Structures are given as C-alpha cells and as structure tokens.
C-alpha cells in the first residue's frame, strides 16, 4: 500500500510547491539572474574599491576612467543589493518552510499507513501433545460492529433476566436465553459477565462452556477455542469441563487442526472416562469421525 500511495503524495507535494512560488519566478532564468547579480556585485566592488586588480574584476571599466564614487552612490547601490538579497532570502525561507511542513504531513500519513497495515494475530496456536493445549491460544480479531438493527434491539429487549434471588443462576440463565434465541454477540457479553461476577458459583463452568459454544455458533472458532480451553484449565472439576474439551475439538477441526482435535478427545477420555463413555459418548464418537482420528 505504501509504495502505491507515496508517488501520488510526491506528485501532490511538487504541485503545491510550484504553486507556492510566484509565477514570475517560475518564468525567469535562474542562471541569468545570478549572472546579473554577480555583475552588479562586481560593479559595486569597483565603486567601493576603485582601481582594484583585474585579477578579481573584469576590465569592462577602464582604470583611467575610474573615479572615487560618492558616498551616496555607493550607499544606494549596496542598499539596493542588500534589499534584493533579503528578498531572495525571504523567498527561500518561505519555500523551505513549506517543504518542511509537507515533509511533516507526509510523515504523519506514513505513520498512519504503517499502523493501518499492522497484521492481525496468527490463528490459534496448536495444543501440545498429551496436554490438550499448553501453548497460548491466540484470539481472532473481531470484526467492526455495524450500526444497531432496531428490530434486533427490540428482540434483545424482549428477553428478560429471571429474578429468582440467586444472582449467579439468574445471570447464567439470561445468557442462555440470549444464546437460545441466537443473539450470539449479546449472549457472549452476558456469559462473560456472569462468569466474571460469580466465579465461585456452580454455573460459572456452565457460563464459560456456553460462551465457547456461542463463539462457535457465531463463526469464531479461535475465540471459542480460547474460552473452552480456559474453562477446562481453570475449572477442571466444573460440571461442564468435559463438554468444553469436546467442543474444543470441534473448534480445532474448524481451524483445520485435526491432529490436535484428536489429542483433545484423547484427553477427554483419559481425564473424564466415565463421562466420555457415558453422557458424552455419542458426541465423542462424532468428534473422532470429524477429526479423522484413528
């Protein structure tokens, strides 16, 4: 991106600088102006230093014709020359300032471009053998939220949080209801809040597991893998820790990491044998088929 934009910036800068120089200055021959200025300087020098050596001054004025110049003539010529040099210096200073300002603007644009082209994190890091995920799991970058849909806002507002007196239970059930109605982003927010606000509640394991499922249903398998692995790691005795390992294998299959998915299912069978052969037996069999486990 940078290589395409910079030539256009340079062209724009060149045009702006040309516009900054007066039209008369563009149409004059710089070499002729410098030559004329040097000739005038020589003339002034001859008047200030009459009879100077021809080694330094051209013999366009005869030595015998040279006469001491009056103070007023000398002062007038020098003043005129100083005025013209001052004008040239002011023009150069103005042009230099414009160049510096444009350089600064280009630097700002390049910095913004560099920030905009920062690459997103790599996909999920694979769990190591026999541990179902000792390596760090990298989150997917979330897409930019679109403007709220009035119909969606109304639908979410229609889902009421229960009030049973058990805040942990009510927080989880509200997240579950949002998920069941397929309001996945809202469910994710609520389930994260439920687990964070009630970490010691039995429903914390449920909330973290359902959070992973909400990410899966929302098409975000890398975020799902993070939430599910964290539930298994942080709450291994939680009621939904075995389920999180199963859904973690599902997320890994979606991320084209079938070998790691098989390792995760093996971990499930080793750590929770009774659940793997009982309540989750059908899911474990489907998971092995999806991951092409031997």
C-alpha atoms as a PDB file:
ATOM      1  CA  UNK A   1       0.000   0.000   0.000  1.00  0.00           C
ATOM      2  CA  UNK A   2       2.752   2.399   0.907  1.00  0.00           C
ATOM      3  CA  UNK A   3       4.571   2.027  -2.427  1.00  0.00           C
ATOM      4  CA  UNK A   4       1.367   2.888  -4.323  1.00  0.00           C
ATOM      5  CA  UNK A   5       0.446   5.943  -2.288  1.00  0.00           C
ATOM      6  CA  UNK A   6       3.811   7.658  -1.935  1.00  0.00           C
ATOM      7  CA  UNK A   7       4.243   8.547  -5.666  1.00  0.00           C
ATOM      8  CA  UNK A   8       0.884  10.305  -5.547  1.00  0.00           C
ATOM      9  CA  UNK A   9       1.957  12.149  -2.407  1.00  0.00           C
ATOM     10  CA  UNK A  10       5.182  13.242  -4.062  1.00  0.00           C
ATOM     11  CA  UNK A  11       3.294  14.488  -7.132  1.00  0.00           C
ATOM     12  CA  UNK A  12       0.885  16.410  -4.921  1.00  0.00           C
ATOM     13  CA  UNK A  13       3.758  17.906  -2.953  1.00  0.00           C
ATOM     14  CA  UNK A  14       5.535  19.003  -6.137  1.00  0.00           C
ATOM     15  CA  UNK A  15       2.395  20.711  -7.412  1.00  0.00           C
ATOM     16  CA  UNK A  16       1.857  22.517  -4.129  1.00  0.00           C
ATOM     17  CA  UNK A  17       5.429  23.780  -4.099  1.00  0.00           C
ATOM     18  CA  UNK A  18       5.147  25.068  -7.666  1.00  0.00           C
ATOM     19  CA  UNK A  19       2.003  26.926  -6.723  1.00  0.00           C
ATOM     20  CA  UNK A  20       3.806  28.441  -3.751  1.00  0.00           C
ATOM     21  CA  UNK A  21       6.433  30.091  -5.999  1.00  0.00           C
ATOM     22  CA  UNK A  22       5.276  33.319  -7.754  1.00  0.00           C
ATOM     23  CA  UNK A  23       4.507  32.916 -11.441  1.00  0.00           C
ATOM     24  CA  UNK A  24       7.153  35.489 -12.402  1.00  0.00           C
ATOM     25  CA  UNK A  25       9.816  33.498 -10.542  1.00  0.00           C
ATOM     26  CA  UNK A  26       8.892  30.355 -12.479  1.00  0.00           C
ATOM     27  CA  UNK A  27       9.267  32.099 -15.826  1.00  0.00           C
ATOM     28  CA  UNK A  28      12.715  33.647 -15.195  1.00  0.00           C
ATOM     29  CA  UNK A  29      16.010  32.066 -15.988  1.00  0.00           C
ATOM     30  CA  UNK A  30      17.773  31.494 -12.654  1.00  0.00           C
ATOM     31  CA  UNK A  31      21.213  31.400 -14.262  1.00  0.00           C
ATOM     32  CA  UNK A  32      20.715  34.805 -15.902  1.00  0.00           C
ATOM     33  CA  UNK A  33      19.521  36.328 -12.634  1.00  0.00           C
ATOM     34  CA  UNK A  34      22.544  35.007 -10.773  1.00  0.00           C
ATOM     35  CA  UNK A  35      24.868  36.265 -13.540  1.00  0.00           C
ATOM     36  CA  UNK A  36      23.269  39.703 -13.446  1.00  0.00           C
ATOM     37  CA  UNK A  37      23.521  39.785  -9.668  1.00  0.00           C
ATOM     38  CA  UNK A  38      27.215  38.903  -9.880  1.00  0.00           C
ATOM     39  CA  UNK A  39      27.773  41.649 -12.443  1.00  0.00           C
ATOM     40  CA  UNK A  40      26.098  44.164 -10.175  1.00  0.00           C
ATOM     41  CA  UNK A  41      28.221  42.924  -7.286  1.00  0.00           C
ATOM     42  CA  UNK A  42      31.369  43.474  -9.354  1.00  0.00           C
ATOM     43  CA  UNK A  43      30.224  46.986 -10.225  1.00  0.00           C
ATOM     44  CA  UNK A  44      29.658  47.777  -6.574  1.00  0.00           C
ATOM     45  CA  UNK A  45      33.036  46.354  -5.691  1.00  0.00           C
ATOM     46  CA  UNK A  46      34.717  48.554  -8.266  1.00  0.00           C
ATOM     47  CA  UNK A  47      32.994  51.597  -6.825  1.00  0.00           C
ATOM     48  CA  UNK A  48      33.879  50.640  -3.280  1.00  0.00           C
ATOM     49  CA  UNK A  49      37.435  49.585  -4.202  1.00  0.00           C
ATOM     50  CA  UNK A  50      38.408  51.767  -7.260  1.00  0.00           C
ATOM     51  CA  UNK A  51      41.492  50.687  -9.116  1.00  0.00           C
ATOM     52  CA  UNK A  52      41.202  47.072  -7.949  1.00  0.00           C
ATOM     53  CA  UNK A  53      43.257  44.355  -9.627  1.00  0.00           C
ATOM     54  CA  UNK A  54      41.936  42.967 -12.896  1.00  0.00           C
ATOM     55  CA  UNK A  55      42.581  39.550 -11.410  1.00  0.00           C
ATOM     56  CA  UNK A  56      39.372  39.984  -9.401  1.00  0.00           C
ATOM     57  CA  UNK A  57      37.396  42.385 -11.618  1.00  0.00           C
ATOM     58  CA  UNK A  58      36.582  42.159 -15.306  1.00  0.00           C
ATOM     59  CA  UNK A  59      38.119  45.085 -17.337  1.00  0.00           C
ATOM     60  CA  UNK A  60      34.758  46.387 -18.601  1.00  0.00           C
ATOM     61  CA  UNK A  61      35.538  49.782 -16.952  1.00  0.00           C
ATOM     62  CA  UNK A  62      38.806  51.457 -17.928  1.00  0.00           C
ATOM     63  CA  UNK A  63      41.141  52.020 -14.996  1.00  0.00           C
ATOM     64  CA  UNK A  64      41.843  55.592 -16.073  1.00  0.00           C
ATOM     65  CA  UNK A  65      38.120  56.316 -16.176  1.00  0.00           C
ATOM     66  CA  UNK A  66      37.526  55.021 -12.670  1.00  0.00           C
ATOM     67  CA  UNK A  67      36.986  57.724 -10.121  1.00  0.00           C
ATOM     68  CA  UNK A  68      36.175  57.613  -6.430  1.00  0.00           C
ATOM     69  CA  UNK A  69      32.448  57.171  -6.083  1.00  0.00           C
ATOM     70  CA  UNK A  70      30.461  59.405  -3.846  1.00  0.00           C
ATOM     71  CA  UNK A  71      29.237  58.068  -0.583  1.00  0.00           C
ATOM     72  CA  UNK A  72      25.619  58.454  -1.634  1.00  0.00           C
ATOM     73  CA  UNK A  73      26.114  56.402  -4.863  1.00  0.00           C
ATOM     74  CA  UNK A  74      27.923  53.617  -3.050  1.00  0.00           C
ATOM     75  CA  UNK A  75      25.356  53.522  -0.278  1.00  0.00           C
ATOM     76  CA  UNK A  76      22.494  53.433  -2.802  1.00  0.00           C
ATOM     77  CA  UNK A  77      23.989  50.515  -4.771  1.00  0.00           C
ATOM     78  CA  UNK A  78      24.786  48.499  -1.668  1.00  0.00           C
ATOM     79  CA  UNK A  79      21.343  49.165  -0.168  1.00  0.00           C
ATOM     80  CA  UNK A  80      19.640  48.070  -3.369  1.00  0.00           C
ATOM     81  CA  UNK A  81      21.709  44.897  -3.465  1.00  0.00           C
ATOM     82  CA  UNK A  82      21.019  44.133   0.204  1.00  0.00           C
ATOM     83  CA  UNK A  83      17.297  44.645  -0.390  1.00  0.00           C
ATOM     84  CA  UNK A  84      17.300  42.227  -3.309  1.00  0.00           C
ATOM     85  CA  UNK A  85      19.323  39.633  -1.391  1.00  0.00           C
ATOM     86  CA  UNK A  86      16.962  39.994   1.577  1.00  0.00           C
ATOM     87  CA  UNK A  87      14.003  39.389  -0.729  1.00  0.00           C
ATOM     88  CA  UNK A  88      15.676  36.284  -2.141  1.00  0.00           C
ATOM     89  CA  UNK A  89      16.421  35.022   1.361  1.00  0.00           C
ATOM     90  CA  UNK A  90      12.814  35.581   2.462  1.00  0.00           C
ATOM     91  CA  UNK A  91      11.514  33.685  -0.569  1.00  0.00           C
ATOM     92  CA  UNK A  92      13.917  30.838   0.133  1.00  0.00           C
ATOM     93  CA  UNK A  93      12.912  30.773   3.806  1.00  0.00           C
ATOM     94  CA  UNK A  94       9.212  30.647   2.866  1.00  0.00           C
ATOM     95  CA  UNK A  95       9.795  27.840   0.384  1.00  0.00           C
ATOM     96  CA  UNK A  96      11.899  25.911   2.896  1.00  0.00           C
ATOM     97  CA  UNK A  97       9.142  26.251   5.497  1.00  0.00           C
ATOM     98  CA  UNK A  98       6.569  24.908   3.055  1.00  0.00           C
ATOM     99  CA  UNK A  99       8.799  21.924   2.238  1.00  0.00           C
ATOM    100  CA  UNK A 100       9.280  21.165   5.932  1.00  0.00           C
ATOM    101  CA  UNK A 101       5.545  21.364   6.577  1.00  0.00           C
ATOM    102  CA  UNK A 102       4.804  18.988   3.710  1.00  0.00           C
ATOM    103  CA  UNK A 103       7.532  16.604   4.913  1.00  0.00           C
ATOM    104  CA  UNK A 104       5.869  16.586   8.323  1.00  0.00           C
ATOM    105  CA  UNK A 105       2.455  15.881   6.782  1.00  0.00           C
ATOM    106  CA  UNK A 106       3.886  13.016   4.716  1.00  0.00           C
ATOM    107  CA  UNK A 107       5.495  11.564   7.855  1.00  0.00           C
ATOM    108  CA  UNK A 108       2.128  11.653   9.627  1.00  0.00           C
ATOM    109  CA  UNK A 109       0.434   9.925   6.695  1.00  0.00           C
ATOM    110  CA  UNK A 110       3.123   7.240   6.546  1.00  0.00           C
ATOM    111  CA  UNK A 111       2.781   6.614  10.299  1.00  0.00           C
ATOM    112  CA  UNK A 112      -0.969   6.186   9.946  1.00  0.00           C
ATOM    113  CA  UNK A 113      -0.471   3.856   6.986  1.00  0.00           C
ATOM    114  CA  UNK A 114       2.001   1.767   8.966  1.00  0.00           C
ATOM    115  CA  UNK A 115      -0.468   1.477  11.849  1.00  0.00           C
ATOM    116  CA  UNK A 116      -3.295   0.554   9.478  1.00  0.00           C
ATOM    117  CA  UNK A 117      -1.297  -2.243   7.831  1.00  0.00           C
ATOM    118  CA  UNK A 118      -0.405  -3.953  11.111  1.00  0.00           C
ATOM    119  CA  UNK A 119      -1.083  -7.644  10.615  1.00  0.00           C
ATOM    120  CA  UNK A 120      -3.688  -9.452  12.704  1.00  0.00           C
ATOM    121  CA  UNK A 121      -2.607 -12.193  15.128  1.00  0.00           C
ATOM    122  CA  UNK A 122      -1.926 -15.639  13.693  1.00  0.00           C
ATOM    123  CA  UNK A 123      -4.660 -18.278  14.045  1.00  0.00           C
ATOM    124  CA  UNK A 124      -4.967 -20.457  17.110  1.00  0.00           C
ATOM    125  CA  UNK A 125      -1.719 -21.996  18.327  1.00  0.00           C
ATOM    126  CA  UNK A 126      -1.926 -25.766  18.405  1.00  0.00           C
ATOM    127  CA  UNK A 127      -2.141 -27.562  21.773  1.00  0.00           C
ATOM    128  CA  UNK A 128       0.922 -29.645  22.581  1.00  0.00           C
ATOM    129  CA  UNK A 129       0.817 -33.428  22.643  1.00  0.00           C
ATOM    130  CA  UNK A 130      -0.885 -35.022  25.640  1.00  0.00           C
ATOM    131  CA  UNK A 131      -1.941 -31.767  27.295  1.00  0.00           C
ATOM    132  CA  UNK A 132      -4.784 -30.556  25.038  1.00  0.00           C
ATOM    133  CA  UNK A 133      -3.320 -27.090  24.867  1.00  0.00           C
ATOM    134  CA  UNK A 134      -0.299 -25.975  26.849  1.00  0.00           C
ATOM    135  CA  UNK A 135       0.593 -23.408  24.212  1.00  0.00           C
ATOM    136  CA  UNK A 136      -1.007 -19.976  24.132  1.00  0.00           C
ATOM    137  CA  UNK A 137      -4.224 -19.741  22.135  1.00  0.00           C
ATOM    138  CA  UNK A 138      -4.403 -16.605  20.018  1.00  0.00           C
ATOM    139  CA  UNK A 139      -7.712 -14.769  19.670  1.00  0.00           C
ATOM    140  CA  UNK A 140      -9.250 -13.851  16.352  1.00  0.00           C
ATOM    141  CA  UNK A 141      -9.622 -10.180  15.696  1.00  0.00           C
ATOM    142  CA  UNK A 142     -13.264  -9.208  15.984  1.00  0.00           C
ATOM    143  CA  UNK A 143     -14.933  -7.538  13.019  1.00  0.00           C
ATOM    144  CA  UNK A 144     -16.076  -3.935  13.206  1.00  0.00           C
ATOM    145  CA  UNK A 145     -19.528  -3.679  14.740  1.00  0.00           C
ATOM    146  CA  UNK A 146     -22.224  -2.421  12.409  1.00  0.00           C
ATOM    147  CA  UNK A 147     -24.954   0.016  13.293  1.00  0.00           C
ATOM    148  CA  UNK A 148     -27.621  -1.456  15.637  1.00  0.00           C
ATOM    149  CA  UNK A 149     -30.629  -3.029  13.951  1.00  0.00           C
ATOM    150  CA  UNK A 150     -33.793  -1.611  15.553  1.00  0.00           C
ATOM    151  CA  UNK A 151     -35.560  -4.950  15.176  1.00  0.00           C
ATOM    152  CA  UNK A 152     -32.663  -6.723  16.841  1.00  0.00           C
ATOM    153  CA  UNK A 153     -32.606  -4.200  19.679  1.00  0.00           C
ATOM    154  CA  UNK A 154     -36.307  -4.817  20.255  1.00  0.00           C
ATOM    155  CA  UNK A 155     -35.811  -8.587  20.176  1.00  0.00           C
ATOM    156  CA  UNK A 156     -32.982  -8.499  22.723  1.00  0.00           C
ATOM    157  CA  UNK A 157     -35.004  -6.185  24.953  1.00  0.00           C
ATOM    158  CA  UNK A 158     -37.849  -8.696  24.974  1.00  0.00           C
ATOM    159  CA  UNK A 159     -35.654 -11.307  26.690  1.00  0.00           C
ATOM    160  CA  UNK A 160     -35.999 -10.835  30.412  1.00  0.00           C
ATOM    161  CA  UNK A 161     -33.469 -11.803  33.059  1.00  0.00           C
ATOM    162  CA  UNK A 162     -35.061 -14.035  35.694  1.00  0.00           C
ATOM    163  CA  UNK A 163     -35.194 -12.909  39.286  1.00  0.00           C
ATOM    164  CA  UNK A 164     -35.030 -15.989  41.487  1.00  0.00           C
ATOM    165  CA  UNK A 165     -32.877 -14.462  44.186  1.00  0.00           C
ATOM    166  CA  UNK A 166     -29.824 -16.449  43.034  1.00  0.00           C
ATOM    167  CA  UNK A 167     -27.800 -13.848  41.140  1.00  0.00           C
ATOM    168  CA  UNK A 168     -25.339 -16.375  39.690  1.00  0.00           C
ATOM    169  CA  UNK A 169     -28.133 -18.591  38.415  1.00  0.00           C
ATOM    170  CA  UNK A 170     -30.086 -15.653  37.002  1.00  0.00           C
ATOM    171  CA  UNK A 171     -27.036 -14.249  35.198  1.00  0.00           C
ATOM    172  CA  UNK A 172     -26.327 -17.597  33.522  1.00  0.00           C
ATOM    173  CA  UNK A 173     -29.952 -18.258  32.571  1.00  0.00           C
ATOM    174  CA  UNK A 174     -30.213 -14.823  30.973  1.00  0.00           C
ATOM    175  CA  UNK A 175     -27.109 -15.564  28.875  1.00  0.00           C
ATOM    176  CA  UNK A 176     -28.544 -18.963  27.977  1.00  0.00           C
ATOM    177  CA  UNK A 177     -31.800 -17.381  26.789  1.00  0.00           C
ATOM    178  CA  UNK A 178     -29.911 -14.923  24.585  1.00  0.00           C
ATOM    179  CA  UNK A 179     -27.914 -17.800  23.097  1.00  0.00           C
ATOM    180  CA  UNK A 180     -31.029 -19.916  22.542  1.00  0.00           C
ATOM    181  CA  UNK A 181     -32.590 -17.045  20.575  1.00  0.00           C
ATOM    182  CA  UNK A 182     -29.364 -16.795  18.516  1.00  0.00           C
ATOM    183  CA  UNK A 183     -28.374 -13.350  19.765  1.00  0.00           C
ATOM    184  CA  UNK A 184     -24.811 -14.571  19.920  1.00  0.00           C
ATOM    185  CA  UNK A 185     -22.846 -11.315  20.490  1.00  0.00           C
ATOM    186  CA  UNK A 186     -25.216 -10.305  23.281  1.00  0.00           C
ATOM    187  CA  UNK A 187     -25.032 -13.799  24.767  1.00  0.00           C
ATOM    188  CA  UNK A 188     -21.231 -13.683  24.692  1.00  0.00           C
ATOM    189  CA  UNK A 189     -21.208 -10.406  26.611  1.00  0.00           C
ATOM    190  CA  UNK A 190     -23.666 -11.681  29.209  1.00  0.00           C
ATOM    191  CA  UNK A 191     -21.966 -15.063  29.697  1.00  0.00           C
ATOM    192  CA  UNK A 192     -18.550 -13.444  30.173  1.00  0.00           C
ATOM    193  CA  UNK A 193     -20.080 -11.114  32.746  1.00  0.00           C
ATOM    194  CA  UNK A 194     -21.841 -13.988  34.523  1.00  0.00           C
ATOM    195  CA  UNK A 195     -18.616 -15.981  34.861  1.00  0.00           C
ATOM    196  CA  UNK A 196     -16.617 -12.931  35.962  1.00  0.00           C
ATOM    197  CA  UNK A 197     -19.200 -11.750  38.521  1.00  0.00           C
ATOM    198  CA  UNK A 198     -19.791 -15.210  40.021  1.00  0.00           C
ATOM    199  CA  UNK A 199     -16.536 -17.184  39.702  1.00  0.00           C
ATOM    200  CA  UNK A 200     -17.349 -19.461  42.659  1.00  0.00           C
ATOM    201  CA  UNK A 201     -20.861 -20.331  41.513  1.00  0.00           C
ATOM    202  CA  UNK A 202     -21.526 -23.767  40.015  1.00  0.00           C
ATOM    203  CA  UNK A 203     -22.917 -22.014  36.970  1.00  0.00           C
ATOM    204  CA  UNK A 204     -19.500 -20.444  36.214  1.00  0.00           C
ATOM    205  CA  UNK A 205     -18.488 -23.682  34.458  1.00  0.00           C
ATOM    206  CA  UNK A 206     -21.752 -23.614  32.502  1.00  0.00           C
ATOM    207  CA  UNK A 207     -21.288 -19.976  31.547  1.00  0.00           C
ATOM    208  CA  UNK A 208     -17.710 -20.445  30.300  1.00  0.00           C
ATOM    209  CA  UNK A 209     -18.648 -23.535  28.310  1.00  0.00           C
ATOM    210  CA  UNK A 210     -21.681 -21.857  26.749  1.00  0.00           C
ATOM    211  CA  UNK A 211     -19.532 -18.838  25.930  1.00  0.00           C
ATOM    212  CA  UNK A 212     -17.337 -21.117  23.802  1.00  0.00           C
ATOM    213  CA  UNK A 213     -20.382 -22.561  22.090  1.00  0.00           C
ATOM    214  CA  UNK A 214     -21.727 -19.054  21.409  1.00  0.00           C
ATOM    215  CA  UNK A 215     -18.438 -18.212  19.665  1.00  0.00           C
ATOM    216  CA  UNK A 216     -18.658 -21.426  17.643  1.00  0.00           C
ATOM    217  CA  UNK A 217     -22.225 -20.669  16.582  1.00  0.00           C
ATOM    218  CA  UNK A 218     -21.121 -17.127  15.707  1.00  0.00           C
ATOM    219  CA  UNK A 219     -18.439 -18.440  13.334  1.00  0.00           C
ATOM    220  CA  UNK A 220     -15.482 -17.584  15.592  1.00  0.00           C
ATOM    221  CA  UNK A 221     -13.710 -20.906  16.252  1.00  0.00           C
ATOM    222  CA  UNK A 222     -10.444 -19.379  17.514  1.00  0.00           C
ATOM    223  CA  UNK A 223     -12.237 -17.346  20.197  1.00  0.00           C
ATOM    224  CA  UNK A 224     -14.292 -20.428  21.002  1.00  0.00           C
ATOM    225  CA  UNK A 225     -11.139 -22.499  21.490  1.00  0.00           C
ATOM    226  CA  UNK A 226      -9.752 -19.925  23.914  1.00  0.00           C
ATOM    227  CA  UNK A 227     -12.918 -19.803  26.041  1.00  0.00           C
ATOM    228  CA  UNK A 228     -13.329 -23.593  26.075  1.00  0.00           C
ATOM    229  CA  UNK A 229      -9.710 -24.329  26.916  1.00  0.00           C
ATOM    230  CA  UNK A 230      -9.747 -21.739  29.704  1.00  0.00           C
ATOM    231  CA  UNK A 231     -12.857 -23.358  31.222  1.00  0.00           C
ATOM    232  CA  UNK A 232     -11.166 -26.764  31.234  1.00  0.00           C
ATOM    233  CA  UNK A 233      -7.900 -25.343  32.608  1.00  0.00           C
ATOM    234  CA  UNK A 234      -9.373 -23.028  35.263  1.00  0.00           C
ATOM    235  CA  UNK A 235     -12.329 -25.167  36.373  1.00  0.00           C
ATOM    236  CA  UNK A 236     -11.298 -28.792  35.694  1.00  0.00           C
ATOM    237  CA  UNK A 237     -13.806 -30.036  38.275  1.00  0.00           C
ATOM    238  CA  UNK A 238     -16.625 -27.916  36.903  1.00  0.00           C
ATOM    239  CA  UNK A 239     -19.695 -29.701  35.598  1.00  0.00           C
ATOM    240  CA  UNK A 240     -19.097 -28.575  32.025  1.00  0.00           C
ATOM    241  CA  UNK A 241     -15.306 -29.083  31.847  1.00  0.00           C
ATOM    242  CA  UNK A 242     -15.695 -32.379  29.889  1.00  0.00           C
ATOM    243  CA  UNK A 243     -18.105 -30.673  27.481  1.00  0.00           C
ATOM    244  CA  UNK A 244     -15.567 -27.906  26.927  1.00  0.00           C
ATOM    245  CA  UNK A 245     -12.978 -30.467  25.789  1.00  0.00           C
ATOM    246  CA  UNK A 246     -15.440 -31.914  23.293  1.00  0.00           C
ATOM    247  CA  UNK A 247     -16.369 -28.508  21.871  1.00  0.00           C
ATOM    248  CA  UNK A 248     -12.683 -27.561  21.852  1.00  0.00           C
ATOM    249  CA  UNK A 249     -12.076 -30.493  19.493  1.00  0.00           C
ATOM    250  CA  UNK A 250     -14.896 -29.157  17.301  1.00  0.00           C
ATOM    251  CA  UNK A 251     -13.282 -25.715  17.171  1.00  0.00           C
ATOM    252  CA  UNK A 252      -9.902 -27.260  16.264  1.00  0.00           C
ATOM    253  CA  UNK A 253     -11.468 -29.203  13.392  1.00  0.00           C
ATOM    254  CA  UNK A 254     -12.907 -25.944  12.056  1.00  0.00           C
ATOM    255  CA  UNK A 255      -9.410 -24.465  12.285  1.00  0.00           C
ATOM    256  CA  UNK A 256      -8.014 -27.377  10.232  1.00  0.00           C
ATOM    257  CA  UNK A 257      -6.109 -28.755  13.230  1.00  0.00           C
ATOM    258  CA  UNK A 258      -7.440 -32.300  13.206  1.00  0.00           C
ATOM    259  CA  UNK A 259      -4.392 -33.853  14.854  1.00  0.00           C
ATOM    260  CA  UNK A 260      -4.812 -31.531  17.825  1.00  0.00           C
ATOM    261  CA  UNK A 261      -8.568 -32.244  17.879  1.00  0.00           C
ATOM    262  CA  UNK A 262      -7.834 -35.983  18.237  1.00  0.00           C
ATOM    263  CA  UNK A 263      -5.384 -35.247  21.058  1.00  0.00           C
ATOM    264  CA  UNK A 264      -8.094 -33.213  22.799  1.00  0.00           C
ATOM    265  CA  UNK A 265     -10.620 -36.054  22.548  1.00  0.00           C
ATOM    266  CA  UNK A 266      -7.995 -38.434  23.914  1.00  0.00           C
ATOM    267  CA  UNK A 267      -7.512 -36.036  26.824  1.00  0.00           C
ATOM    268  CA  UNK A 268     -11.261 -36.105  27.423  1.00  0.00           C
ATOM    269  CA  UNK A 269     -11.275 -39.916  27.577  1.00  0.00           C
ATOM    270  CA  UNK A 270      -8.251 -40.015  29.915  1.00  0.00           C
ATOM    271  CA  UNK A 271      -9.384 -37.322  32.368  1.00  0.00           C
ATOM    272  CA  UNK A 272     -13.135 -37.967  32.352  1.00  0.00           C
ATOM    273  CA  UNK A 273     -13.525 -41.643  31.366  1.00  0.00           C
ATOM    274  CA  UNK A 274     -16.984 -42.103  32.853  1.00  0.00           C
ATOM    275  CA  UNK A 275     -18.357 -39.011  31.083  1.00  0.00           C
ATOM    276  CA  UNK A 276     -16.634 -39.897  27.807  1.00  0.00           C
ATOM    277  CA  UNK A 277     -18.218 -43.344  27.779  1.00  0.00           C
ATOM    278  CA  UNK A 278     -21.498 -42.163  29.252  1.00  0.00           C
ATOM    279  CA  UNK A 279     -23.196 -38.807  28.757  1.00  0.00           C
ATOM    280  CA  UNK A 280     -20.829 -37.635  26.003  1.00  0.00           C
ATOM    281  CA  UNK A 281     -20.186 -40.989  24.309  1.00  0.00           C
ATOM    282  CA  UNK A 282     -22.192 -40.133  21.170  1.00  0.00           C
ATOM    283  CA  UNK A 283     -20.506 -36.743  20.848  1.00  0.00           C
ATOM    284  CA  UNK A 284     -17.041 -38.208  21.332  1.00  0.00           C
ATOM    285  CA  UNK A 285     -17.721 -40.711  18.540  1.00  0.00           C
ATOM    286  CA  UNK A 286     -18.913 -37.919  16.210  1.00  0.00           C
ATOM    287  CA  UNK A 287     -15.904 -35.808  17.147  1.00  0.00           C
ATOM    288  CA  UNK A 288     -13.483 -38.608  16.276  1.00  0.00           C
ATOM    289  CA  UNK A 289     -15.192 -39.057  12.935  1.00  0.00           C
ATOM    290  CA  UNK A 290     -14.994 -35.336  12.131  1.00  0.00           C
ATOM    291  CA  UNK A 291     -11.304 -35.231  13.067  1.00  0.00           C
ATOM    292  CA  UNK A 292     -10.449 -38.491  11.254  1.00  0.00           C
ATOM    293  CA  UNK A 293      -8.987 -39.967  14.436  1.00  0.00           C
ATOM    294  CA  UNK A 294      -7.529 -43.459  14.180  1.00  0.00           C
END
